[in-house]
Amino acid sequence: MSLQTDIAATLIDIEAQLRQLDQWDHSPPPAAALASTQPFCIDTLTLPQWLQFVFLPRMYSLLEAESELPRRCGIAPMAEEYFRGSGLACTELVVALETVDSLLSVE
């Protein structure tokens, strides 16, 4: 399989895990929240919202356009910190994020 196929499959896994954890929103946040300049929109969105409304759409768009993909990605540590103590069974989500981090981190 190609890198793009592997990444697309992992993005689908991330979405599925967010839904399973009931961390998938049915309506988008206000446009102003999406316009944040902070990493992960940490000042306006939760990490699951950022994944759903910023990361996943951006990655799907890059894949569809066959554009150059990011060469560095480090979302899994942020997710581990975000979900620490939440009581949610987020191991599979973190593993999927580790996979996308690994696929996108080109040495």
PDB file of N, CA and C in Angstrom:
ATOM      1  N   MET A   1       0.838  -1.201   0.000  1.00  0.00           N
ATOM      2  CA  MET A   1       0.000   0.000   0.000  1.00  0.00           C
ATOM      3  C   MET A   1       0.877   1.257   0.000  1.00  0.00           C
ATOM      4  N   SER A   2       0.293   2.333  -0.465  1.00  0.00           N
ATOM      5  CA  SER A   2       1.028   3.590  -0.521  1.00  0.00           C
ATOM      6  C   SER A   2       0.915   4.337   0.803  1.00  0.00           C
ATOM      7  N   LEU A   3       1.796   5.300   0.958  1.00  0.00           N
ATOM      8  CA  LEU A   3       1.756   6.139   2.160  1.00  0.00           C
ATOM      9  C   LEU A   3       0.400   6.828   2.273  1.00  0.00           C
ATOM     10  N   GLN A   4      -0.116   7.337   1.146  1.00  0.00           N
ATOM     11  CA  GLN A   4      -1.401   8.035   1.167  1.00  0.00           C
ATOM     12  C   GLN A   4      -2.534   7.101   1.617  1.00  0.00           C
ATOM     13  N   THR A   5      -2.493   5.849   1.147  1.00  0.00           N
ATOM     14  CA  THR A   5      -3.516   4.874   1.529  1.00  0.00           C
ATOM     15  C   THR A   5      -3.423   4.561   3.019  1.00  0.00           C
ATOM     16  N   ASP A   6      -2.198   4.393   3.509  1.00  0.00           N
ATOM     17  CA  ASP A   6      -1.991   4.123   4.932  1.00  0.00           C
ATOM     18  C   ASP A   6      -2.504   5.285   5.786  1.00  0.00           C
ATOM     19  N   ILE A   7      -2.209   6.509   5.352  1.00  0.00           N
ATOM     20  CA  ILE A   7      -2.647   7.690   6.100  1.00  0.00           C
ATOM     21  C   ILE A   7      -4.170   7.791   6.068  1.00  0.00           C
ATOM     22  N   ALA A   8      -4.786   7.595   4.905  1.00  0.00           N
ATOM     23  CA  ALA A   8      -6.248   7.671   4.806  1.00  0.00           C
ATOM     24  C   ALA A   8      -6.911   6.641   5.716  1.00  0.00           C
ATOM     25  N   ALA A   9      -6.378   5.422   5.738  1.00  0.00           N
ATOM     26  CA  ALA A   9      -6.940   4.379   6.603  1.00  0.00           C
ATOM     27  C   ALA A   9      -6.811   4.767   8.074  1.00  0.00           C
ATOM     28  N   THR A  10      -5.703   5.379   8.427  1.00  0.00           N
ATOM     29  CA  THR A  10      -5.485   5.793   9.817  1.00  0.00           C
ATOM     30  C   THR A  10      -6.414   6.949  10.190  1.00  0.00           C
ATOM     31  N   LEU A  11      -6.654   7.864   9.261  1.00  0.00           N
ATOM     32  CA  LEU A  11      -7.588   8.963   9.526  1.00  0.00           C
ATOM     33  C   LEU A  11      -8.992   8.423   9.786  1.00  0.00           C
ATOM     34  N   ILE A  12      -9.383   7.405   9.033  1.00  0.00           N
ATOM     35  CA  ILE A  12     -10.687   6.776   9.248  1.00  0.00           C
ATOM     36  C   ILE A  12     -10.733   6.149  10.639  1.00  0.00           C
ATOM     37  N   ASP A  13      -9.631   5.518  11.047  1.00  0.00           N
ATOM     38  CA  ASP A  13      -9.552   4.937  12.394  1.00  0.00           C
ATOM     39  C   ASP A  13      -9.696   6.008  13.474  1.00  0.00           C
ATOM     40  N   ILE A  14      -9.051   7.153  13.262  1.00  0.00           N
ATOM     41  CA  ILE A  14      -9.132   8.243  14.232  1.00  0.00           C
ATOM     42  C   ILE A  14     -10.581   8.710  14.377  1.00  0.00           C
ATOM     43  N   GLU A  15     -11.256   8.907  13.252  1.00  0.00           N
ATOM     44  CA  GLU A  15     -12.659   9.320  13.304  1.00  0.00           C
ATOM     45  C   GLU A  15     -13.505   8.273  14.026  1.00  0.00           C
ATOM     46  N   ALA A  16     -13.295   7.008  13.707  1.00  0.00           N
ATOM     47  CA  ALA A  16     -14.072   5.935  14.342  1.00  0.00           C
ATOM     48  C   ALA A  16     -13.860   5.917  15.855  1.00  0.00           C
ATOM     49  N   GLN A  17     -12.616   6.126  16.280  1.00  0.00           N
ATOM     50  CA  GLN A  17     -12.329   6.129  17.718  1.00  0.00           C
ATOM     51  C   GLN A  17     -12.970   7.325  18.407  1.00  0.00           C
ATOM     52  N   LEU A  18     -12.938   8.486  17.765  1.00  0.00           N
ATOM     53  CA  LEU A  18     -13.583   9.669  18.349  1.00  0.00           C
ATOM     54  C   LEU A  18     -15.083   9.423  18.523  1.00  0.00           C
ATOM     55  N   ARG A  19     -15.688   8.800  17.530  1.00  0.00           N
ATOM     56  CA  ARG A  19     -17.118   8.500  17.607  1.00  0.00           C
ATOM     57  C   ARG A  19     -17.394   7.490  18.720  1.00  0.00           C
ATOM     58  N   GLN A  20     -16.566   6.450  18.788  1.00  0.00           N
ATOM     59  CA  GLN A  20     -16.757   5.409  19.796  1.00  0.00           C
ATOM     60  C   GLN A  20     -16.626   5.981  21.210  1.00  0.00           C
ATOM     61  N   LEU A  21     -15.727   6.943  21.373  1.00  0.00           N
ATOM     62  CA  LEU A  21     -15.512   7.566  22.675  1.00  0.00           C
ATOM     63  C   LEU A  21     -16.538   8.663  22.976  1.00  0.00           C
ATOM     64  N   ASP A  22     -17.477   8.855  22.056  1.00  0.00           N
ATOM     65  CA  ASP A  22     -18.481   9.916  22.163  1.00  0.00           C
ATOM     66  C   ASP A  22     -17.810  11.283  22.253  1.00  0.00           C
ATOM     67  N   GLN A  23     -16.755  11.451  21.471  1.00  0.00           N
ATOM     68  CA  GLN A  23     -16.036  12.724  21.412  1.00  0.00           C
ATOM     69  C   GLN A  23     -16.221  13.391  20.047  1.00  0.00           C
ATOM     70  N   TRP A  24     -17.248  12.997  19.319  1.00  0.00           N
ATOM     71  CA  TRP A  24     -17.532  13.516  17.981  1.00  0.00           C
ATOM     72  C   TRP A  24     -18.707  14.473  18.092  1.00  0.00           C
ATOM     73  N   ASP A  25     -18.501  15.728  17.710  1.00  0.00           N
ATOM     74  CA  ASP A  25     -19.559  16.737  17.798  1.00  0.00           C
ATOM     75  C   ASP A  25     -20.459  16.673  16.564  1.00  0.00           C
ATOM     76  N   HIS A  26     -21.745  16.952  16.774  1.00  0.00           N
ATOM     77  CA  HIS A  26     -22.701  16.926  15.675  1.00  0.00           C
ATOM     78  C   HIS A  26     -22.806  18.269  14.966  1.00  0.00           C
ATOM     79  N   SER A  27     -22.286  19.309  15.578  1.00  0.00           N
ATOM     80  CA  SER A  27     -22.297  20.620  14.919  1.00  0.00           C
ATOM     81  C   SER A  27     -20.938  21.285  15.108  1.00  0.00           C
ATOM     82  N   PRO A  28     -20.500  22.002  14.095  1.00  0.00           N
ATOM     83  CA  PRO A  28     -19.173  22.625  14.173  1.00  0.00           C
ATOM     84  C   PRO A  28     -19.143  23.806  15.138  1.00  0.00           C
ATOM     85  N   PRO A  29     -17.949  24.097  15.649  1.00  0.00           N
ATOM     86  CA  PRO A  29     -17.790  25.279  16.505  1.00  0.00           C
ATOM     87  C   PRO A  29     -17.891  26.546  15.659  1.00  0.00           C
ATOM     88  N   PRO A  30     -18.034  27.689  16.299  1.00  0.00           N
ATOM     89  CA  PRO A  30     -18.095  28.953  15.551  1.00  0.00           C
ATOM     90  C   PRO A  30     -16.814  29.166  14.728  1.00  0.00           C
ATOM     91  N   ALA A  31     -16.950  29.891  13.633  1.00  0.00           N
ATOM     92  CA  ALA A  31     -15.812  30.145  12.757  1.00  0.00           C
ATOM     93  C   ALA A  31     -14.646  30.785  13.508  1.00  0.00           C
ATOM     94  N   ALA A  32     -14.941  31.636  14.456  1.00  0.00           N
ATOM     95  CA  ALA A  32     -13.876  32.300  15.219  1.00  0.00           C
ATOM     96  C   ALA A  32     -13.031  31.283  15.984  1.00  0.00           C
ATOM     97  N   ALA A  33     -13.657  30.229  16.477  1.00  0.00           N
ATOM     98  CA  ALA A  33     -12.910  29.202  17.213  1.00  0.00           C
ATOM     99  C   ALA A  33     -11.953  28.457  16.285  1.00  0.00           C
ATOM    100  N   LEU A  34     -12.358  28.301  15.035  1.00  0.00           N
ATOM    101  CA  LEU A  34     -11.518  27.606  14.058  1.00  0.00           C
ATOM    102  C   LEU A  34     -10.383  28.494  13.543  1.00  0.00           C
ATOM    103  N   ALA A  35     -10.478  29.793  13.770  1.00  0.00           N
ATOM    104  CA  ALA A  35      -9.487  30.736  13.261  1.00  0.00           C
ATOM    105  C   ALA A  35      -8.322  30.953  14.230  1.00  0.00           C
ATOM    106  N   SER A  36      -8.287  30.212  15.310  1.00  0.00           N
ATOM    107  CA  SER A  36      -7.216  30.370  16.293  1.00  0.00           C
ATOM    108  C   SER A  36      -5.846  30.192  15.655  1.00  0.00           C
ATOM    109  N   THR A  37      -4.883  30.942  16.150  1.00  0.00           N
ATOM    110  CA  THR A  37      -3.508  30.800  15.655  1.00  0.00           C
ATOM    111  C   THR A  37      -2.650  29.964  16.602  1.00  0.00           C
ATOM    112  N   GLN A  38      -3.232  29.506  17.692  1.00  0.00           N
ATOM    113  CA  GLN A  38      -2.496  28.692  18.660  1.00  0.00           C
ATOM    114  C   GLN A  38      -2.382  27.245  18.154  1.00  0.00           C
ATOM    115  N   PRO A  39      -1.296  26.542  18.508  1.00  0.00           N
ATOM    116  CA  PRO A  39      -1.194  25.133  18.136  1.00  0.00           C
ATOM    117  C   PRO A  39      -2.400  24.355  18.670  1.00  0.00           C
ATOM    118  N   PHE A  40      -2.946  23.482  17.836  1.00  0.00           N
ATOM    119  CA  PHE A  40      -4.106  22.658  18.183  1.00  0.00           C
ATOM    120  C   PHE A  40      -5.333  23.503  18.536  1.00  0.00           C
ATOM    121  N   CYS A  41      -5.328  24.795  18.206  1.00  0.00           N
ATOM    122  CA  CYS A  41      -6.418  25.715  18.588  1.00  0.00           C
ATOM    123  C   CYS A  41      -6.717  25.557  20.079  1.00  0.00           C
ATOM    124  N   ILE A  42      -5.658  25.390  20.850  1.00  0.00           N
ATOM    125  CA  ILE A  42      -5.797  25.049  22.269  1.00  0.00           C
ATOM    126  C   ILE A  42      -6.575  26.098  23.064  1.00  0.00           C
ATOM    127  N   ASP A  43      -6.608  27.317  22.545  1.00  0.00           N
ATOM    128  CA  ASP A  43      -7.326  28.370  23.258  1.00  0.00           C
ATOM    129  C   ASP A  43      -8.818  28.416  22.931  1.00  0.00           C
ATOM    130  N   THR A  44      -9.250  27.684  21.881  1.00  0.00           N
ATOM    131  CA  THR A  44     -10.653  27.783  21.475  1.00  0.00           C
ATOM    132  C   THR A  44     -11.356  26.437  21.294  1.00  0.00           C
ATOM    133  N   LEU A  45     -10.605  25.342  21.142  1.00  0.00           N
ATOM    134  CA  LEU A  45     -11.203  24.034  20.898  1.00  0.00           C
ATOM    135  C   LEU A  45     -10.639  22.984  21.852  1.00  0.00           C
ATOM    136  N   THR A  46     -11.410  21.939  22.080  1.00  0.00           N
ATOM    137  CA  THR A  46     -10.851  20.779  22.771  1.00  0.00           C
ATOM    138  C   THR A  46     -10.025  20.000  21.755  1.00  0.00           C
ATOM    139  N   LEU A  47      -9.183  19.105  22.209  1.00  0.00           N
ATOM    140  CA  LEU A  47      -8.397  18.308  21.268  1.00  0.00           C
ATOM    141  C   LEU A  47      -9.301  17.493  20.333  1.00  0.00           C
ATOM    142  N   PRO A  48     -10.348  16.822  20.832  1.00  0.00           N
ATOM    143  CA  PRO A  48     -11.221  16.097  19.900  1.00  0.00           C
ATOM    144  C   PRO A  48     -11.859  17.020  18.847  1.00  0.00           C
ATOM    145  N   GLN A  49     -12.241  18.229  19.249  1.00  0.00           N
ATOM    146  CA  GLN A  49     -12.791  19.179  18.270  1.00  0.00           C
ATOM    147  C   GLN A  49     -11.741  19.551  17.238  1.00  0.00           C
ATOM    148  N   TRP A  50     -10.513  19.778  17.675  1.00  0.00           N
ATOM    149  CA  TRP A  50      -9.441  20.126  16.742  1.00  0.00           C
ATOM    150  C   TRP A  50      -9.224  18.987  15.750  1.00  0.00           C
ATOM    151  N   LEU A  51      -9.194  17.756  16.254  1.00  0.00           N
ATOM    152  CA  LEU A  51      -9.031  16.604  15.361  1.00  0.00           C
ATOM    153  C   LEU A  51     -10.163  16.554  14.344  1.00  0.00           C
ATOM    154  N   GLN A  52     -11.395  16.736  14.815  1.00  0.00           N
ATOM    155  CA  GLN A  52     -12.573  16.611  13.951  1.00  0.00           C
ATOM    156  C   GLN A  52     -12.701  17.751  12.951  1.00  0.00           C
ATOM    157  N   PHE A  53     -12.493  18.974  13.396  1.00  0.00           N
ATOM    158  CA  PHE A  53     -12.812  20.123  12.556  1.00  0.00           C
ATOM    159  C   PHE A  53     -11.617  20.782  11.884  1.00  0.00           C
ATOM    160  N   VAL A  54     -10.400  20.445  12.307  1.00  0.00           N
ATOM    161  CA  VAL A  54      -9.203  21.045  11.705  1.00  0.00           C
ATOM    162  C   VAL A  54      -8.323  19.962  11.092  1.00  0.00           C
ATOM    163  N   PHE A  55      -7.832  19.050  11.909  1.00  0.00           N
ATOM    164  CA  PHE A  55      -6.848  18.070  11.438  1.00  0.00           C
ATOM    165  C   PHE A  55      -7.400  17.130  10.361  1.00  0.00           C
ATOM    166  N   LEU A  56      -8.502  16.452  10.671  1.00  0.00           N
ATOM    167  CA  LEU A  56      -9.026  15.477   9.700  1.00  0.00           C
ATOM    168  C   LEU A  56      -9.412  16.135   8.370  1.00  0.00           C
ATOM    169  N   PRO A  57     -10.183  17.231   8.368  1.00  0.00           N
ATOM    170  CA  PRO A  57     -10.523  17.844   7.080  1.00  0.00           C
ATOM    171  C   PRO A  57      -9.287  18.320   6.306  1.00  0.00           C
ATOM    172  N   ARG A  58      -8.313  18.883   7.019  1.00  0.00           N
ATOM    173  CA  ARG A  58      -7.101  19.368   6.359  1.00  0.00           C
ATOM    174  C   ARG A  58      -6.337  18.201   5.724  1.00  0.00           C
ATOM    175  N   MET A  59      -6.218  17.104   6.468  1.00  0.00           N
ATOM    176  CA  MET A  59      -5.489  15.947   5.946  1.00  0.00           C
ATOM    177  C   MET A  59      -6.221  15.324   4.761  1.00  0.00           C
ATOM    178  N   TYR A  60      -7.538  15.172   4.861  1.00  0.00           N
ATOM    179  CA  TYR A  60      -8.308  14.625   3.735  1.00  0.00           C
ATOM    180  C   TYR A  60      -8.162  15.516   2.506  1.00  0.00           C
ATOM    181  N   SER A  61      -8.178  16.824   2.714  1.00  0.00           N
ATOM    182  CA  SER A  61      -8.023  17.770   1.607  1.00  0.00           C
ATOM    183  C   SER A  61      -6.656  17.617   0.936  1.00  0.00           C
ATOM    184  N   LEU A  62      -5.611  17.502   1.747  1.00  0.00           N
ATOM    185  CA  LEU A  62      -4.266  17.312   1.191  1.00  0.00           C
ATOM    186  C   LEU A  62      -4.175  16.003   0.416  1.00  0.00           C
ATOM    187  N   LEU A  63      -4.760  14.949   0.946  1.00  0.00           N
ATOM    188  CA  LEU A  63      -4.729  13.655   0.262  1.00  0.00           C
ATOM    189  C   LEU A  63      -5.494  13.717  -1.061  1.00  0.00           C
ATOM    190  N   GLU A  64      -6.682  14.314  -1.047  1.00  0.00           N
ATOM    191  CA  GLU A  64      -7.490  14.420  -2.265  1.00  0.00           C
ATOM    192  C   GLU A  64      -6.788  15.223  -3.343  1.00  0.00           C
ATOM    193  N   ALA A  65      -6.116  16.291  -2.943  1.00  0.00           N
ATOM    194  CA  ALA A  65      -5.419  17.159  -3.895  1.00  0.00           C
ATOM    195  C   ALA A  65      -4.042  16.611  -4.272  1.00  0.00           C
ATOM    196  N   GLU A  66      -3.670  15.499  -3.643  1.00  0.00           N
ATOM    197  CA  GLU A  66      -2.342  14.922  -3.836  1.00  0.00           C
ATOM    198  C   GLU A  66      -1.251  15.957  -3.564  1.00  0.00           C
ATOM    199  N   SER A  67      -1.502  16.796  -2.554  1.00  0.00           N
ATOM    200  CA  SER A  67      -0.556  17.832  -2.153  1.00  0.00           C
ATOM    201  C   SER A  67       0.513  17.229  -1.245  1.00  0.00           C
ATOM    202  N   GLU A  68       1.564  18.006  -1.048  1.00  0.00           N
ATOM    203  CA  GLU A  68       2.615  17.562  -0.137  1.00  0.00           C
ATOM    204  C   GLU A  68       2.053  17.486   1.272  1.00  0.00           C
ATOM    205  N   LEU A  69       2.383  16.393   1.944  1.00  0.00           N
ATOM    206  CA  LEU A  69       1.902  16.179   3.309  1.00  0.00           C
ATOM    207  C   LEU A  69       2.882  16.778   4.310  1.00  0.00           C
ATOM    208  N   PRO A  70       2.411  17.073   5.517  1.00  0.00           N
ATOM    209  CA  PRO A  70       3.334  17.565   6.546  1.00  0.00           C
ATOM    210  C   PRO A  70       4.477  16.578   6.743  1.00  0.00           C
ATOM    211  N   ARG A  71       5.642  17.088   7.062  1.00  0.00           N
ATOM    212  CA  ARG A  71       6.811  16.232   7.245  1.00  0.00           C
ATOM    213  C   ARG A  71       7.120  15.991   8.720  1.00  0.00           C
ATOM    214  N   ARG A  72       6.291  16.513   9.567  1.00  0.00           N
ATOM    215  CA  ARG A  72       6.461  16.320  11.007  1.00  0.00           C
ATOM    216  C   ARG A  72       5.078  16.363  11.651  1.00  0.00           C
ATOM    217  N   CYS A  73       4.857  15.425  12.540  1.00  0.00           N
ATOM    218  CA  CYS A  73       3.557  15.358  13.199  1.00  0.00           C
ATOM    219  C   CYS A  73       3.776  14.796  14.596  1.00  0.00           C
ATOM    220  N   GLY A  74       3.140  15.383  15.592  1.00  0.00           N
ATOM    221  CA  GLY A  74       3.308  14.928  16.968  1.00  0.00           C
ATOM    222  C   GLY A  74       2.036  15.121  17.779  1.00  0.00           C
ATOM    223  N   ILE A  75       0.965  14.466  17.342  1.00  0.00           N
ATOM    224  CA  ILE A  75      -0.325  14.636  18.002  1.00  0.00           C
ATOM    225  C   ILE A  75      -0.508  13.679  19.182  1.00  0.00           C
ATOM    226  N   ALA A  76       0.047  12.477  19.083  1.00  0.00           N
ATOM    227  CA  ALA A  76      -0.192  11.452  20.121  1.00  0.00           C
ATOM    228  C   ALA A  76       0.172  11.929  21.527  1.00  0.00           C
ATOM    229  N   PRO A  77       1.331  12.582  21.737  1.00  0.00           N
ATOM    230  CA  PRO A  77       1.639  13.043  23.101  1.00  0.00           C
ATOM    231  C   PRO A  77       0.606  14.042  23.629  1.00  0.00           C
ATOM    232  N   MET A  78       0.098  14.883  22.752  1.00  0.00           N
ATOM    233  CA  MET A  78      -0.936  15.839  23.153  1.00  0.00           C
ATOM    234  C   MET A  78      -2.202  15.089  23.574  1.00  0.00           C
ATOM    235  N   ALA A  79      -2.549  14.046  22.820  1.00  0.00           N
ATOM    236  CA  ALA A  79      -3.744  13.259  23.143  1.00  0.00           C
ATOM    237  C   ALA A  79      -3.572  12.520  24.465  1.00  0.00           C
ATOM    238  N   GLU A  80      -2.387  11.964  24.680  1.00  0.00           N
ATOM    239  CA  GLU A  80      -2.140  11.263  25.944  1.00  0.00           C
ATOM    240  C   GLU A  80      -2.352  12.206  27.121  1.00  0.00           C
ATOM    241  N   GLU A  81      -1.846  13.419  26.994  1.00  0.00           N
ATOM    242  CA  GLU A  81      -1.993  14.409  28.060  1.00  0.00           C
ATOM    243  C   GLU A  81      -3.449  14.830  28.209  1.00  0.00           C
ATOM    244  N   TYR A  82      -4.111  15.074  27.093  1.00  0.00           N
ATOM    245  CA  TYR A  82      -5.503  15.526  27.118  1.00  0.00           C
ATOM    246  C   TYR A  82      -6.403  14.501  27.806  1.00  0.00           C
ATOM    247  N   PHE A  83      -6.225  13.214  27.483  1.00  0.00           N
ATOM    248  CA  PHE A  83      -7.115  12.183  27.999  1.00  0.00           C
ATOM    249  C   PHE A  83      -6.678  11.609  29.344  1.00  0.00           C
ATOM    250  N   ARG A  84      -5.482  11.983  29.821  1.00  0.00           N
ATOM    251  CA  ARG A  84      -5.011  11.474  31.111  1.00  0.00           C
ATOM    252  C   ARG A  84      -6.029  11.797  32.200  1.00  0.00           C
ATOM    253  N   GLY A  85      -6.435  10.787  32.935  1.00  0.00           N
ATOM    254  CA  GLY A  85      -7.374  10.983  34.020  1.00  0.00           C
ATOM    255  C   GLY A  85      -8.821  11.140  33.595  1.00  0.00           C
ATOM    256  N   SER A  86      -9.092  11.018  32.300  1.00  0.00           N
ATOM    257  CA  SER A  86     -10.469  11.214  31.828  1.00  0.00           C
ATOM    258  C   SER A  86     -11.347  10.001  32.073  1.00  0.00           C
ATOM    259  N   GLY A  87     -10.721   8.846  32.270  1.00  0.00           N
ATOM    260  CA  GLY A  87     -11.487   7.622  32.443  1.00  0.00           C
ATOM    261  C   GLY A  87     -11.959   7.020  31.131  1.00  0.00           C
ATOM    262  N   LEU A  88     -11.671   7.688  30.018  1.00  0.00           N
ATOM    263  CA  LEU A  88     -12.072   7.162  28.714  1.00  0.00           C
ATOM    264  C   LEU A  88     -11.067   6.109  28.247  1.00  0.00           C
ATOM    265  N   ALA A  89     -11.562   5.099  27.574  1.00  0.00           N
ATOM    266  CA  ALA A  89     -10.702   4.040  27.024  1.00  0.00           C
ATOM    267  C   ALA A  89     -10.145   4.520  25.690  1.00  0.00           C
ATOM    268  N   CYS A  90      -9.132   5.370  25.764  1.00  0.00           N
ATOM    269  CA  CYS A  90      -8.630   6.052  24.571  1.00  0.00           C
ATOM    270  C   CYS A  90      -7.371   5.422  23.981  1.00  0.00           C
ATOM    271  N   THR A  91      -6.990   4.239  24.439  1.00  0.00           N
ATOM    272  CA  THR A  91      -5.752   3.611  23.970  1.00  0.00           C
ATOM    273  C   THR A  91      -5.733   3.463  22.457  1.00  0.00           C
ATOM    274  N   GLU A  92      -6.843   2.990  21.863  1.00  0.00           N
ATOM    275  CA  GLU A  92      -6.873   2.782  20.411  1.00  0.00           C
ATOM    276  C   GLU A  92      -6.769   4.105  19.662  1.00  0.00           C
ATOM    277  N   LEU A  93      -7.358   5.160  20.197  1.00  0.00           N
ATOM    278  CA  LEU A  93      -7.233   6.480  19.566  1.00  0.00           C
ATOM    279  C   LEU A  93      -5.781   6.928  19.610  1.00  0.00           C
ATOM    280  N   VAL A  94      -5.131   6.796  20.744  1.00  0.00           N
ATOM    281  CA  VAL A  94      -3.732   7.206  20.867  1.00  0.00           C
ATOM    282  C   VAL A  94      -2.857   6.381  19.927  1.00  0.00           C
ATOM    283  N   VAL A  95      -3.120   5.084  19.807  1.00  0.00           N
ATOM    284  CA  VAL A  95      -2.350   4.235  18.884  1.00  0.00           C
ATOM    285  C   VAL A  95      -2.536   4.724  17.442  1.00  0.00           C
ATOM    286  N   ALA A  96      -3.765   5.072  17.056  1.00  0.00           N
ATOM    287  CA  ALA A  96      -4.018   5.589  15.707  1.00  0.00           C
ATOM    288  C   ALA A  96      -3.274   6.905  15.493  1.00  0.00           C
ATOM    289  N   LEU A  97      -3.245   7.753  16.512  1.00  0.00           N
ATOM    290  CA  LEU A  97      -2.516   9.024  16.402  1.00  0.00           C
ATOM    291  C   LEU A  97      -1.014   8.785  16.339  1.00  0.00           C
ATOM    292  N   GLU A  98      -0.518   7.803  17.088  1.00  0.00           N
ATOM    293  CA  GLU A  98       0.905   7.444  16.993  1.00  0.00           C
ATOM    294  C   GLU A  98       1.234   6.962  15.587  1.00  0.00           C
ATOM    295  N   THR A  99       0.317   6.217  14.983  1.00  0.00           N
ATOM    296  CA  THR A  99       0.523   5.729  13.616  1.00  0.00           C
ATOM    297  C   THR A  99       0.614   6.893  12.641  1.00  0.00           C
ATOM    298  N   VAL A 100      -0.315   7.836  12.736  1.00  0.00           N
ATOM    299  CA  VAL A 100      -0.277   8.973  11.805  1.00  0.00           C
ATOM    300  C   VAL A 100       0.973   9.827  12.086  1.00  0.00           C
ATOM    301  N   ASP A 101       1.348   9.966  13.346  1.00  0.00           N
ATOM    302  CA  ASP A 101       2.584  10.698  13.661  1.00  0.00           C
ATOM    303  C   ASP A 101       3.774  10.037  12.976  1.00  0.00           C
ATOM    304  N   SER A 102       3.836   8.722  13.076  1.00  0.00           N
ATOM    305  CA  SER A 102       4.948   7.966  12.496  1.00  0.00           C
ATOM    306  C   SER A 102       4.948   8.077  10.965  1.00  0.00           C
ATOM    307  N   LEU A 103       3.778   7.943  10.355  1.00  0.00           N
ATOM    308  CA  LEU A 103       3.688   8.005   8.896  1.00  0.00           C
ATOM    309  C   LEU A 103       4.086   9.384   8.357  1.00  0.00           C
ATOM    310  N   LEU A 104       3.754  10.429   9.114  1.00  0.00           N
ATOM    311  CA  LEU A 104       4.024  11.793   8.641  1.00  0.00           C
ATOM    312  C   LEU A 104       5.374  12.350   9.078  1.00  0.00           C
ATOM    313  N   SER A 105       6.061  11.685   9.937  1.00  0.00           N
ATOM    314  CA  SER A 105       7.348  12.198  10.429  1.00  0.00           C
ATOM    315  C   SER A 105       8.477  11.614   9.594  1.00  0.00           C
ATOM    316  N   VAL A 106       8.875  12.397   8.614  1.00  0.00           N
ATOM    317  CA  VAL A 106       9.913  11.980   7.674  1.00  0.00           C
ATOM    318  C   VAL A 106      11.264  12.448   8.189  1.00  0.00           C
ATOM    319  N   GLU A 107      12.158  11.517   8.307  1.00  0.00           N
ATOM    320  CA  GLU A 107      13.508  11.868   8.766  1.00  0.00           C
ATOM    321  C   GLU A 107      14.348  12.372   7.616  1.00  0.00           C
TER     322      GLU A 107
END
